[in-house]
Amino acid sequence: IPGVSSADVIGGDVREIQVQVKKDKLLAYGIGINDVQRAVS
């Protein structure tokens, strides 16, 4: 719209894909949380 600089959104739920690591599984495979984070990135 002419004359509008910006429009910002406040509130509401924002979608997020969460990777919830399992500590016991990481220890069993012998890998760290940094390895998982690096692989996803």
Full PDB file with SEQRES, HELIX, SHEET, SSBOND, CRYST1, ORIGX, SCALE, CONECT and MASTER records, all heavy atoms in Angstrom:
SEQRES   1 A   41  ILE PRO GLY VAL SER SER ALA ASP VAL ILE GLY GLY ASP          
SEQRES   2 A   41  VAL ARG GLU ILE GLN VAL GLN VAL LYS LYS ASP LYS LEU          
SEQRES   3 A   41  LEU ALA TYR GLY ILE GLY ILE ASN ASP VAL GLN ARG ALA          
SEQRES   4 A   41  VAL SER                                                      
HELIX    1 AA1 LYS A   23  TYR A   29  1                                   7    
HELIX    2 AA2 ILE A   33  VAL A   40  1                                   8    
CRYST1    1.000    1.000    1.000  90.00  90.00  90.00 P 1           1          
ORIGX1      1.000000  0.000000  0.000000        0.00000                         
ORIGX2      0.000000  1.000000  0.000000        0.00000                         
ORIGX3      0.000000  0.000000  1.000000        0.00000                         
SCALE1      1.000000  0.000000  0.000000        0.00000                         
SCALE2      0.000000  1.000000  0.000000        0.00000                         
SCALE3      0.000000  0.000000  1.000000        0.00000                         
ATOM      1  N   ILE A   1       0.853  -1.191   0.000  1.00  0.00           N  
ATOM      2  CA  ILE A   1       0.000   0.000   0.000  1.00  0.00           C  
ATOM      3  C   ILE A   1       0.892   1.246   0.000  1.00  0.00           C  
ATOM      4  O   ILE A   1       1.840   1.336   0.775  1.00  0.00           O  
ATOM      5  CB  ILE A   1      -0.919  -0.001   1.229  1.00  0.00           C  
ATOM      6  CG1 ILE A   1      -1.865  -1.207   1.183  1.00  0.00           C  
ATOM      7  CG2 ILE A   1      -1.718   1.293   1.308  1.00  0.00           C  
ATOM      8  CD1 ILE A   1      -2.744  -1.337   2.398  1.00  0.00           C  
ATOM      9  N   PRO A   2       0.622   2.224  -0.881  1.00  0.00           N  
ATOM     10  CA  PRO A   2       1.429   3.454  -0.897  1.00  0.00           C  
ATOM     11  C   PRO A   2       1.401   4.153   0.452  1.00  0.00           C  
ATOM     12  O   PRO A   2       0.338   4.307   1.074  1.00  0.00           O  
ATOM     13  CB  PRO A   2       0.746   4.304  -1.979  1.00  0.00           C  
ATOM     14  CG  PRO A   2       0.038   3.320  -2.855  1.00  0.00           C  
ATOM     15  CD  PRO A   2      -0.406   2.207  -1.942  1.00  0.00           C  
ATOM     16  N   GLY A   3       2.562   4.568   0.927  1.00  0.00           N  
ATOM     17  CA  GLY A   3       2.670   5.257   2.204  1.00  0.00           C  
ATOM     18  C   GLY A   3       2.941   4.358   3.385  1.00  0.00           C  
ATOM     19  O   GLY A   3       3.204   4.849   4.480  1.00  0.00           O  
ATOM     20  N   VAL A   4       2.896   3.028   3.187  1.00  0.00           N  
ATOM     21  CA  VAL A   4       3.157   2.085   4.273  1.00  0.00           C  
ATOM     22  C   VAL A   4       4.631   1.685   4.250  1.00  0.00           C  
ATOM     23  O   VAL A   4       5.155   1.278   3.207  1.00  0.00           O  
ATOM     24  CB  VAL A   4       2.261   0.838   4.153  1.00  0.00           C  
ATOM     25  CG1 VAL A   4       2.664  -0.207   5.187  1.00  0.00           C  
ATOM     26  CG2 VAL A   4       0.803   1.219   4.332  1.00  0.00           C  
ATOM     27  N   SER A   5       5.286   1.829   5.389  1.00  0.00           N  
ATOM     28  CA  SER A   5       6.698   1.470   5.488  1.00  0.00           C  
ATOM     29  C   SER A   5       6.883  -0.015   5.766  1.00  0.00           C  
ATOM     30  O   SER A   5       7.689  -0.683   5.131  1.00  0.00           O  
ATOM     31  CB  SER A   5       7.369   2.290   6.594  1.00  0.00           C  
ATOM     32  OG  SER A   5       8.692   1.840   6.841  1.00  0.00           O  
ATOM     33  N   SER A   6       6.142  -0.547   6.732  1.00  0.00           N  
ATOM     34  CA  SER A   6       6.272  -1.954   7.083  1.00  0.00           C  
ATOM     35  C   SER A   6       5.024  -2.407   7.811  1.00  0.00           C  
ATOM     36  O   SER A   6       4.259  -1.596   8.348  1.00  0.00           O  
ATOM     37  CB  SER A   6       7.507  -2.201   7.966  1.00  0.00           C  
ATOM     38  OG  SER A   6       7.382  -1.506   9.201  1.00  0.00           O  
ATOM     39  N   ALA A   7       4.812  -3.717   7.817  1.00  0.00           N  
ATOM     40  CA  ALA A   7       3.717  -4.333   8.554  1.00  0.00           C  
ATOM     41  C   ALA A   7       4.290  -5.505   9.341  1.00  0.00           C  
ATOM     42  O   ALA A   7       4.870  -6.420   8.756  1.00  0.00           O  
ATOM     43  CB  ALA A   7       2.608  -4.791   7.614  1.00  0.00           C  
ATOM     44  N   ASP A   8       4.159  -5.467  10.650  1.00  0.00           N  
ATOM     45  CA  ASP A   8       4.719  -6.489  11.530  1.00  0.00           C  
ATOM     46  C   ASP A   8       3.600  -7.292  12.182  1.00  0.00           C  
ATOM     47  O   ASP A   8       2.496  -6.786  12.405  1.00  0.00           O  
ATOM     48  CB  ASP A   8       5.592  -5.853  12.611  1.00  0.00           C  
ATOM     49  CG  ASP A   8       6.742  -5.061  12.014  1.00  0.00           C  
ATOM     50  OD1 ASP A   8       7.366  -5.563  11.064  1.00  0.00           O  
ATOM     51  OD2 ASP A   8       7.010  -3.945  12.501  1.00  0.00           O  
ATOM     52  N   VAL A   9       3.907  -8.553  12.490  1.00  0.00           N  
ATOM     53  CA  VAL A   9       2.928  -9.463  13.072  1.00  0.00           C  
ATOM     54  C   VAL A   9       3.296  -9.728  14.531  1.00  0.00           C  
ATOM     55  O   VAL A   9       4.458  -9.986  14.852  1.00  0.00           O  
ATOM     56  CB  VAL A   9       2.858 -10.790  12.292  1.00  0.00           C  
ATOM     57  CG1 VAL A   9       1.743 -11.670  12.834  1.00  0.00           C  
ATOM     58  CG2 VAL A   9       2.639 -10.521  10.808  1.00  0.00           C  
ATOM     59  N   ILE A  10       2.310  -9.684  15.396  1.00  0.00           N  
ATOM     60  CA  ILE A  10       2.499  -9.935  16.825  1.00  0.00           C  
ATOM     61  C   ILE A  10       1.504 -11.001  17.253  1.00  0.00           C  
ATOM     62  O   ILE A  10       0.317 -10.923  16.932  1.00  0.00           O  
ATOM     63  CB  ILE A  10       2.286  -8.660  17.655  1.00  0.00           C  
ATOM     64  CG1 ILE A  10       3.174  -7.526  17.154  1.00  0.00           C  
ATOM     65  CG2 ILE A  10       2.557  -8.914  19.138  1.00  0.00           C  
ATOM     66  CD1 ILE A  10       2.871  -6.191  17.794  1.00  0.00           C  
ATOM     67  N   GLY A  11       1.997 -11.991  18.008  1.00  0.00           N  
ATOM     68  CA  GLY A  11       1.118 -13.013  18.552  1.00  0.00           C  
ATOM     69  C   GLY A  11       0.943 -14.190  17.615  1.00  0.00           C  
ATOM     70  O   GLY A  11       1.472 -14.245  16.506  1.00  0.00           O  
ATOM     71  N   GLY A  12       0.189 -15.172  18.080  1.00  0.00           N  
ATOM     72  CA  GLY A  12      -0.051 -16.369  17.291  1.00  0.00           C  
ATOM     73  C   GLY A  12       1.062 -17.388  17.431  1.00  0.00           C  
ATOM     74  O   GLY A  12       2.158 -17.095  17.921  1.00  0.00           O  
ATOM     75  N   ASP A  13       0.770 -18.621  17.023  1.00  0.00           N  
ATOM     76  CA  ASP A  13       1.741 -19.710  17.071  1.00  0.00           C  
ATOM     77  C   ASP A  13       2.455 -19.821  15.736  1.00  0.00           C  
ATOM     78  O   ASP A  13       1.818 -19.858  14.677  1.00  0.00           O  
ATOM     79  CB  ASP A  13       1.044 -21.042  17.391  1.00  0.00           C  
ATOM     80  CG  ASP A  13       0.502 -21.079  18.811  1.00  0.00           C  
ATOM     81  OD1 ASP A  13       1.194 -20.560  19.709  1.00  0.00           O  
ATOM     82  OD2 ASP A  13      -0.602 -21.615  19.019  1.00  0.00           O  
ATOM     83  N   VAL A  14       3.785 -19.890  15.783  1.00  0.00           N  
ATOM     84  CA  VAL A  14       4.610 -20.014  14.585  1.00  0.00           C  
ATOM     85  C   VAL A  14       5.073 -21.459  14.457  1.00  0.00           C  
ATOM     86  O   VAL A  14       5.566 -22.057  15.430  1.00  0.00           O  
ATOM     87  CB  VAL A  14       5.830 -19.066  14.646  1.00  0.00           C  
ATOM     88  CG1 VAL A  14       6.678 -19.198  13.391  1.00  0.00           C  
ATOM     89  CG2 VAL A  14       5.364 -17.630  14.834  1.00  0.00           C  
ATOM     90  N   ARG A  15       4.906 -22.030  13.278  1.00  0.00           N  
ATOM     91  CA  ARG A  15       5.271 -23.424  13.062  1.00  0.00           C  
ATOM     92  C   ARG A  15       6.780 -23.619  13.235  1.00  0.00           C  
ATOM     93  O   ARG A  15       7.584 -22.804  12.815  1.00  0.00           O  
ATOM     94  CB  ARG A  15       4.859 -23.865  11.650  1.00  0.00           C  
ATOM     95  CG  ARG A  15       5.132 -25.334  11.368  1.00  0.00           C  
ATOM     96  CD  ARG A  15       4.839 -25.681   9.922  1.00  0.00           C  
ATOM     97  NE  ARG A  15       5.030 -27.091   9.658  1.00  0.00           N  
ATOM     98  CZ  ARG A  15       5.020 -27.637   8.448  1.00  0.00           C  
ATOM     99  NH1 ARG A  15       4.819 -26.867   7.385  1.00  0.00           N  
ATOM    100  NH2 ARG A  15       5.201 -28.928   8.287  1.00  0.00           N  
ATOM    101  N   GLU A  16       7.137 -24.729  13.865  1.00  0.00           N  
ATOM    102  CA  GLU A  16       8.546 -25.047  14.097  1.00  0.00           C  
ATOM    103  C   GLU A  16       8.731 -26.564  14.101  1.00  0.00           C  
ATOM    104  O   GLU A  16       7.985 -27.284  14.772  1.00  0.00           O  
ATOM    105  CB  GLU A  16       9.003 -24.460  15.435  1.00  0.00           C  
ATOM    106  CG  GLU A  16      10.466 -24.694  15.739  1.00  0.00           C  
ATOM    107  CD  GLU A  16      10.865 -24.053  17.055  1.00  0.00           C  
ATOM    108  OE1 GLU A  16      10.456 -24.569  18.114  1.00  0.00           O  
ATOM    109  OE2 GLU A  16      11.578 -23.038  17.019  1.00  0.00           O  
ATOM    110  N   ILE A  17       9.692 -27.028  13.327  1.00  0.00           N  
ATOM    111  CA  ILE A  17      10.044 -28.450  13.322  1.00  0.00           C  
ATOM    112  C   ILE A  17      11.102 -28.659  14.401  1.00  0.00           C  
ATOM    113  O   ILE A  17      12.214 -28.146  14.293  1.00  0.00           O  
ATOM    114  CB  ILE A  17      10.570 -28.899  11.951  1.00  0.00           C  
ATOM    115  CG1 ILE A  17       9.568 -28.547  10.849  1.00  0.00           C  
ATOM    116  CG2 ILE A  17      10.860 -30.390  11.955  1.00  0.00           C  
ATOM    117  CD1 ILE A  17       8.237 -29.238  10.991  1.00  0.00           C  
ATOM    118  N   GLN A  18      10.750 -29.403  15.434  1.00  0.00           N  
ATOM    119  CA  GLN A  18      11.639 -29.600  16.585  1.00  0.00           C  
ATOM    120  C   GLN A  18      12.335 -30.955  16.502  1.00  0.00           C  
ATOM    121  O   GLN A  18      11.691 -31.976  16.229  1.00  0.00           O  
ATOM    122  CB  GLN A  18      10.836 -29.505  17.879  1.00  0.00           C  
ATOM    123  CG  GLN A  18      10.115 -28.181  18.055  1.00  0.00           C  
ATOM    124  CD  GLN A  18       9.204 -28.174  19.267  1.00  0.00           C  
ATOM    125  OE1 GLN A  18       9.070 -29.184  19.969  1.00  0.00           O  
ATOM    126  NE2 GLN A  18       8.568 -27.042  19.534  1.00  0.00           N  
ATOM    127  N   VAL A  19      13.638 -30.940  16.722  1.00  0.00           N  
ATOM    128  CA  VAL A  19      14.439 -32.166  16.795  1.00  0.00           C  
ATOM    129  C   VAL A  19      14.782 -32.395  18.264  1.00  0.00           C  
ATOM    130  O   VAL A  19      15.695 -31.778  18.812  1.00  0.00           O  
ATOM    131  CB  VAL A  19      15.710 -32.057  15.936  1.00  0.00           C  
ATOM    132  CG1 VAL A  19      16.517 -33.360  16.005  1.00  0.00           C  
ATOM    133  CG2 VAL A  19      15.354 -31.732  14.489  1.00  0.00           C  
ATOM    134  N   GLN A  20      14.029 -33.279  18.904  1.00  0.00           N  
ATOM    135  CA  GLN A  20      14.197 -33.548  20.332  1.00  0.00           C  
ATOM    136  C   GLN A  20      15.105 -34.778  20.493  1.00  0.00           C  
ATOM    137  O   GLN A  20      14.673 -35.921  20.341  1.00  0.00           O  
ATOM    138  CB  GLN A  20      12.836 -33.775  20.982  1.00  0.00           C  
ATOM    139  CG  GLN A  20      11.882 -32.601  20.831  1.00  0.00           C  
ATOM    140  CD  GLN A  20      10.505 -32.877  21.390  1.00  0.00           C  
ATOM    141  OE1 GLN A  20      10.210 -33.995  21.837  1.00  0.00           O  
ATOM    142  NE2 GLN A  20       9.634 -31.870  21.390  1.00  0.00           N  
ATOM    143  N   VAL A  21      16.376 -34.534  20.792  1.00  0.00           N  
ATOM    144  CA  VAL A  21      17.360 -35.616  20.852  1.00  0.00           C  
ATOM    145  C   VAL A  21      17.152 -36.462  22.111  1.00  0.00           C  
ATOM    146  O   VAL A  21      16.648 -35.982  23.135  1.00  0.00           O  
ATOM    147  CB  VAL A  21      18.795 -35.042  20.823  1.00  0.00           C  
ATOM    148  CG1 VAL A  21      19.069 -34.342  19.511  1.00  0.00           C  
ATOM    149  CG2 VAL A  21      19.032 -34.106  21.988  1.00  0.00           C  
ATOM    150  N   LYS A  22      17.536 -37.718  22.008  1.00  0.00           N  
ATOM    151  CA  LYS A  22      17.442 -38.659  23.117  1.00  0.00           C  
ATOM    152  C   LYS A  22      18.848 -38.911  23.661  1.00  0.00           C  
ATOM    153  O   LYS A  22      19.716 -39.427  22.953  1.00  0.00           O  
ATOM    154  CB  LYS A  22      16.818 -39.966  22.647  1.00  0.00           C  
ATOM    155  CG  LYS A  22      15.459 -39.795  21.987  1.00  0.00           C  
ATOM    156  CD  LYS A  22      14.961 -41.104  21.397  1.00  0.00           C  
ATOM    157  CE  LYS A  22      13.650 -40.933  20.653  1.00  0.00           C  
ATOM    158  NZ  LYS A  22      13.202 -42.202  20.019  1.00  0.00           N  
ATOM    159  N   LYS A  23      19.047 -38.540  24.899  1.00  0.00           N  
ATOM    160  CA  LYS A  23      20.383 -38.627  25.491  1.00  0.00           C  
ATOM    161  C   LYS A  23      20.915 -40.051  25.499  1.00  0.00           C  
ATOM    162  O   LYS A  23      22.085 -40.287  25.174  1.00  0.00           O  
ATOM    163  CB  LYS A  23      20.363 -38.050  26.907  1.00  0.00           C  
ATOM    164  CG  LYS A  23      21.709 -38.063  27.592  1.00  0.00           C  
ATOM    165  CD  LYS A  23      21.617 -37.460  28.981  1.00  0.00           C  
ATOM    166  CE  LYS A  23      22.971 -37.521  29.683  1.00  0.00           C  
ATOM    167  NZ  LYS A  23      22.903 -36.958  31.053  1.00  0.00           N  
ATOM    168  N   ASP A  24      20.063 -41.010  25.868  1.00  0.00           N  
ATOM    169  CA  ASP A  24      20.537 -42.393  25.953  1.00  0.00           C  
ATOM    170  C   ASP A  24      20.917 -42.933  24.582  1.00  0.00           C  
ATOM    171  O   ASP A  24      21.881 -43.709  24.448  1.00  0.00           O  
ATOM    172  CB  ASP A  24      19.467 -43.276  26.601  1.00  0.00           C  
ATOM    173  CG  ASP A  24      18.131 -43.173  25.880  1.00  0.00           C  
ATOM    174  OD1 ASP A  24      17.912 -42.167  25.161  1.00  0.00           O  
ATOM    175  OD2 ASP A  24      17.307 -44.092  26.027  1.00  0.00           O  
ATOM    176  N   LYS A  25      20.195 -42.521  23.533  1.00  0.00           N  
ATOM    177  CA  LYS A  25      20.524 -42.969  22.184  1.00  0.00           C  
ATOM    178  C   LYS A  25      21.837 -42.361  21.703  1.00  0.00           C  
ATOM    179  O   LYS A  25      22.642 -43.027  21.033  1.00  0.00           O  
ATOM    180  CB  LYS A  25      19.396 -42.606  21.217  1.00  0.00           C  
ATOM    181  CG  LYS A  25      18.071 -43.299  21.514  1.00  0.00           C  
ATOM    182  CD  LYS A  25      18.182 -44.798  21.325  1.00  0.00           C  
ATOM    183  CE  LYS A  25      16.839 -45.480  21.541  1.00  0.00           C  
ATOM    184  NZ  LYS A  25      16.919 -46.953  21.377  1.00  0.00           N  
ATOM    185  N   LEU A  26      22.071 -41.106  22.050  1.00  0.00           N  
ATOM    186  CA  LEU A  26      23.337 -40.473  21.668  1.00  0.00           C  
ATOM    187  C   LEU A  26      24.517 -41.200  22.313  1.00  0.00           C  
ATOM    188  O   LEU A  26      25.543 -41.446  21.671  1.00  0.00           O  
ATOM    189  CB  LEU A  26      23.336 -38.999  22.093  1.00  0.00           C  
ATOM    190  CG  LEU A  26      22.365 -38.054  21.370  1.00  0.00           C  
ATOM    191  CD1 LEU A  26      22.515 -36.639  21.918  1.00  0.00           C  
ATOM    192  CD2 LEU A  26      22.618 -38.059  19.873  1.00  0.00           C  
ATOM    193  N   LEU A  27      24.359 -41.552  23.592  1.00  0.00           N  
ATOM    194  CA  LEU A  27      25.435 -42.275  24.273  1.00  0.00           C  
ATOM    195  C   LEU A  27      25.637 -43.661  23.671  1.00  0.00           C  
ATOM    196  O   LEU A  27      26.768 -44.141  23.548  1.00  0.00           O  
ATOM    197  CB  LEU A  27      25.114 -42.380  25.766  1.00  0.00           C  
ATOM    198  CG  LEU A  27      25.064 -41.054  26.543  1.00  0.00           C  
ATOM    199  CD1 LEU A  27      24.624 -41.293  27.986  1.00  0.00           C  
ATOM    200  CD2 LEU A  27      26.426 -40.375  26.502  1.00  0.00           C  
ATOM    201  N   ALA A  28      24.549 -44.304  23.284  1.00  0.00           N  
ATOM    202  CA  ALA A  28      24.663 -45.643  22.702  1.00  0.00           C  
ATOM    203  C   ALA A  28      25.387 -45.612  21.365  1.00  0.00           C  
ATOM    204  O   ALA A  28      26.185 -46.509  21.056  1.00  0.00           O  
ATOM    205  CB  ALA A  28      23.270 -46.259  22.541  1.00  0.00           C  
ATOM    206  N   TYR A  29      25.126 -44.590  20.569  1.00  0.00           N  
ATOM    207  CA  TYR A  29      25.794 -44.475  19.268  1.00  0.00           C  
ATOM    208  C   TYR A  29      27.155 -43.794  19.367  1.00  0.00           C  
ATOM    209  O   TYR A  29      27.900 -43.764  18.389  1.00  0.00           O  
ATOM    210  CB  TYR A  29      24.919 -43.683  18.294  1.00  0.00           C  
ATOM    211  CG  TYR A  29      23.819 -44.510  17.653  1.00  0.00           C  
ATOM    212  CD1 TYR A  29      22.550 -44.567  18.222  1.00  0.00           C  
ATOM    213  CD2 TYR A  29      24.048 -45.218  16.487  1.00  0.00           C  
ATOM    214  CE1 TYR A  29      21.532 -45.311  17.649  1.00  0.00           C  
ATOM    215  CE2 TYR A  29      23.046 -45.969  15.898  1.00  0.00           C  
ATOM    216  CZ  TYR A  29      21.787 -46.014  16.485  1.00  0.00           C  
ATOM    217  OH  TYR A  29      20.785 -46.755  15.903  1.00  0.00           O  
ATOM    218  N   GLY A  30      27.456 -43.227  20.520  1.00  0.00           N  
ATOM    219  CA  GLY A  30      28.749 -42.576  20.704  1.00  0.00           C  
ATOM    220  C   GLY A  30      28.896 -41.277  19.942  1.00  0.00           C  
ATOM    221  O   GLY A  30      29.983 -40.940  19.472  1.00  0.00           O  
ATOM    222  N   ILE A  31      27.803 -40.522  19.805  1.00  0.00           N  
ATOM    223  CA  ILE A  31      27.853 -39.245  19.102  1.00  0.00           C  
ATOM    224  C   ILE A  31      27.352 -38.152  20.042  1.00  0.00           C  
ATOM    225  O   ILE A  31      26.706 -38.415  21.055  1.00  0.00           O  
ATOM    226  CB  ILE A  31      27.001 -39.260  17.815  1.00  0.00           C  
ATOM    227  CG1 ILE A  31      25.542 -39.567  18.143  1.00  0.00           C  
ATOM    228  CG2 ILE A  31      27.535 -40.281  16.833  1.00  0.00           C  
ATOM    229  CD1 ILE A  31      24.639 -39.531  16.935  1.00  0.00           C  
ATOM    230  N   GLY A  32      27.672 -36.910  19.711  1.00  0.00           N  
ATOM    231  CA  GLY A  32      27.263 -35.785  20.535  1.00  0.00           C  
ATOM    232  C   GLY A  32      26.167 -34.971  19.877  1.00  0.00           C  
ATOM    233  O   GLY A  32      25.860 -35.128  18.695  1.00  0.00           O  
ATOM    234  N   ILE A  33      25.587 -34.065  20.655  1.00  0.00           N  
ATOM    235  CA  ILE A  33      24.506 -33.242  20.133  1.00  0.00           C  
ATOM    236  C   ILE A  33      25.007 -32.291  19.051  1.00  0.00           C  
ATOM    237  O   ILE A  33      24.272 -31.912  18.134  1.00  0.00           O  
ATOM    238  CB  ILE A  33      23.823 -32.472  21.282  1.00  0.00           C  
ATOM    239  CG1 ILE A  33      22.534 -31.818  20.789  1.00  0.00           C  
ATOM    240  CG2 ILE A  33      24.765 -31.435  21.865  1.00  0.00           C  
ATOM    241  CD1 ILE A  33      21.715 -31.208  21.897  1.00  0.00           C  
ATOM    242  N   ASN A  34      26.297 -31.929  19.107  1.00  0.00           N  
ATOM    243  CA  ASN A  34      26.857 -31.068  18.064  1.00  0.00           C  
ATOM    244  C   ASN A  34      26.894 -31.786  16.718  1.00  0.00           C  
ATOM    245  O   ASN A  34      26.751 -31.145  15.668  1.00  0.00           O  
ATOM    246  CB  ASN A  34      28.261 -30.615  18.451  1.00  0.00           C  
ATOM    247  CG  ASN A  34      28.257 -29.644  19.616  1.00  0.00           C  
ATOM    248  OD1 ASN A  34      27.267 -28.928  19.822  1.00  0.00           O  
ATOM    249  ND2 ASN A  34      29.338 -29.607  20.374  1.00  0.00           N  
ATOM    250  N   ASP A  35      27.099 -33.099  16.742  1.00  0.00           N  
ATOM    251  CA  ASP A  35      27.084 -33.861  15.492  1.00  0.00           C  
ATOM    252  C   ASP A  35      25.690 -33.818  14.852  1.00  0.00           C  
ATOM    253  O   ASP A  35      25.563 -33.690  13.627  1.00  0.00           O  
ATOM    254  CB  ASP A  35      27.493 -35.312  15.752  1.00  0.00           C  
ATOM    255  CG  ASP A  35      28.922 -35.423  16.253  1.00  0.00           C  
ATOM    256  OD1 ASP A  35      29.767 -34.640  15.794  1.00  0.00           O  
ATOM    257  OD2 ASP A  35      29.186 -36.297  17.110  1.00  0.00           O  
ATOM    258  N   VAL A  36      24.658 -33.924  15.675  1.00  0.00           N  
ATOM    259  CA  VAL A  36      23.289 -33.872  15.158  1.00  0.00           C  
ATOM    260  C   VAL A  36      22.981 -32.484  14.617  1.00  0.00           C  
ATOM    261  O   VAL A  36      22.417 -32.326  13.522  1.00  0.00           O  
ATOM    262  CB  VAL A  36      22.282 -34.256  16.258  1.00  0.00           C  
ATOM    263  CG1 VAL A  36      20.855 -34.157  15.737  1.00  0.00           C  
ATOM    264  CG2 VAL A  36      22.564 -35.663  16.769  1.00  0.00           C  
ATOM    265  N   GLN A  37      23.364 -31.468  15.361  1.00  0.00           N  
ATOM    266  CA  GLN A  37      23.100 -30.099  14.925  1.00  0.00           C  
ATOM    267  C   GLN A  37      23.827 -29.798  13.618  1.00  0.00           C  
ATOM    268  O   GLN A  37      23.265 -29.186  12.700  1.00  0.00           O  
ATOM    269  CB  GLN A  37      23.540 -29.112  16.012  1.00  0.00           C  
ATOM    270  CG  GLN A  37      23.282 -27.654  15.663  1.00  0.00           C  
ATOM    271  CD  GLN A  37      23.744 -26.719  16.771  1.00  0.00           C  
ATOM    272  OE1 GLN A  37      24.356 -27.150  17.747  1.00  0.00           O  
ATOM    273  NE2 GLN A  37      23.453 -25.440  16.615  1.00  0.00           N  
ATOM    274  N   ARG A  38      25.075 -30.230  13.507  1.00  0.00           N  
ATOM    275  CA  ARG A  38      25.853 -29.988  12.289  1.00  0.00           C  
ATOM    276  C   ARG A  38      25.248 -30.714  11.098  1.00  0.00           C  
ATOM    277  O   ARG A  38      25.165 -30.176   9.991  1.00  0.00           O  
ATOM    278  CB  ARG A  38      27.294 -30.431  12.512  1.00  0.00           C  
ATOM    279  CG  ARG A  38      28.257 -30.011  11.404  1.00  0.00           C  
ATOM    280  CD  ARG A  38      29.663 -30.502  11.671  1.00  0.00           C  
ATOM    281  NE  ARG A  38      30.116 -30.105  12.995  1.00  0.00           N  
ATOM    282  CZ  ARG A  38      30.314 -30.951  14.002  1.00  0.00           C  
ATOM    283  NH1 ARG A  38      30.066 -32.255  13.835  1.00  0.00           N  
ATOM    284  NH2 ARG A  38      30.747 -30.526  15.162  1.00  0.00           N  
ATOM    285  N   ALA A  39      24.775 -31.930  11.313  1.00  0.00           N  
ATOM    286  CA  ALA A  39      24.198 -32.712  10.216  1.00  0.00           C  
ATOM    287  C   ALA A  39      22.907 -32.081   9.703  1.00  0.00           C  
ATOM    288  O   ALA A  39      22.678 -32.000   8.492  1.00  0.00           O  
ATOM    289  CB  ALA A  39      23.936 -34.139  10.687  1.00  0.00           C  
ATOM    290  N   VAL A  40      22.055 -31.613  10.613  1.00  0.00           N  
ATOM    291  CA  VAL A  40      20.800 -30.989  10.194  1.00  0.00           C  
ATOM    292  C   VAL A  40      21.075 -29.676   9.455  1.00  0.00           C  
ATOM    293  O   VAL A  40      20.441 -29.373   8.444  1.00  0.00           O  
ATOM    294  CB  VAL A  40      19.888 -30.748  11.411  1.00  0.00           C  
ATOM    295  CG1 VAL A  40      18.650 -29.968  11.015  1.00  0.00           C  
ATOM    296  CG2 VAL A  40      19.487 -32.080  12.038  1.00  0.00           C  
ATOM    297  N   SER A  41      22.040 -28.904   9.939  1.00  0.00           N  
ATOM    298  CA  SER A  41      22.364 -27.630   9.288  1.00  0.00           C  
ATOM    299  C   SER A  41      22.907 -27.846   7.884  1.00  0.00           C  
ATOM    300  O   SER A  41      22.549 -27.133   6.941  1.00  0.00           O  
ATOM    301  CB  SER A  41      23.377 -26.847  10.129  1.00  0.00           C  
ATOM    302  OG  SER A  41      22.863 -26.556  11.409  1.00  0.00           O  
TER     303      SER A  41                                                      
MASTER        0    0    0    2    0    0    0    6  302    1    0    4          
END                                                                             
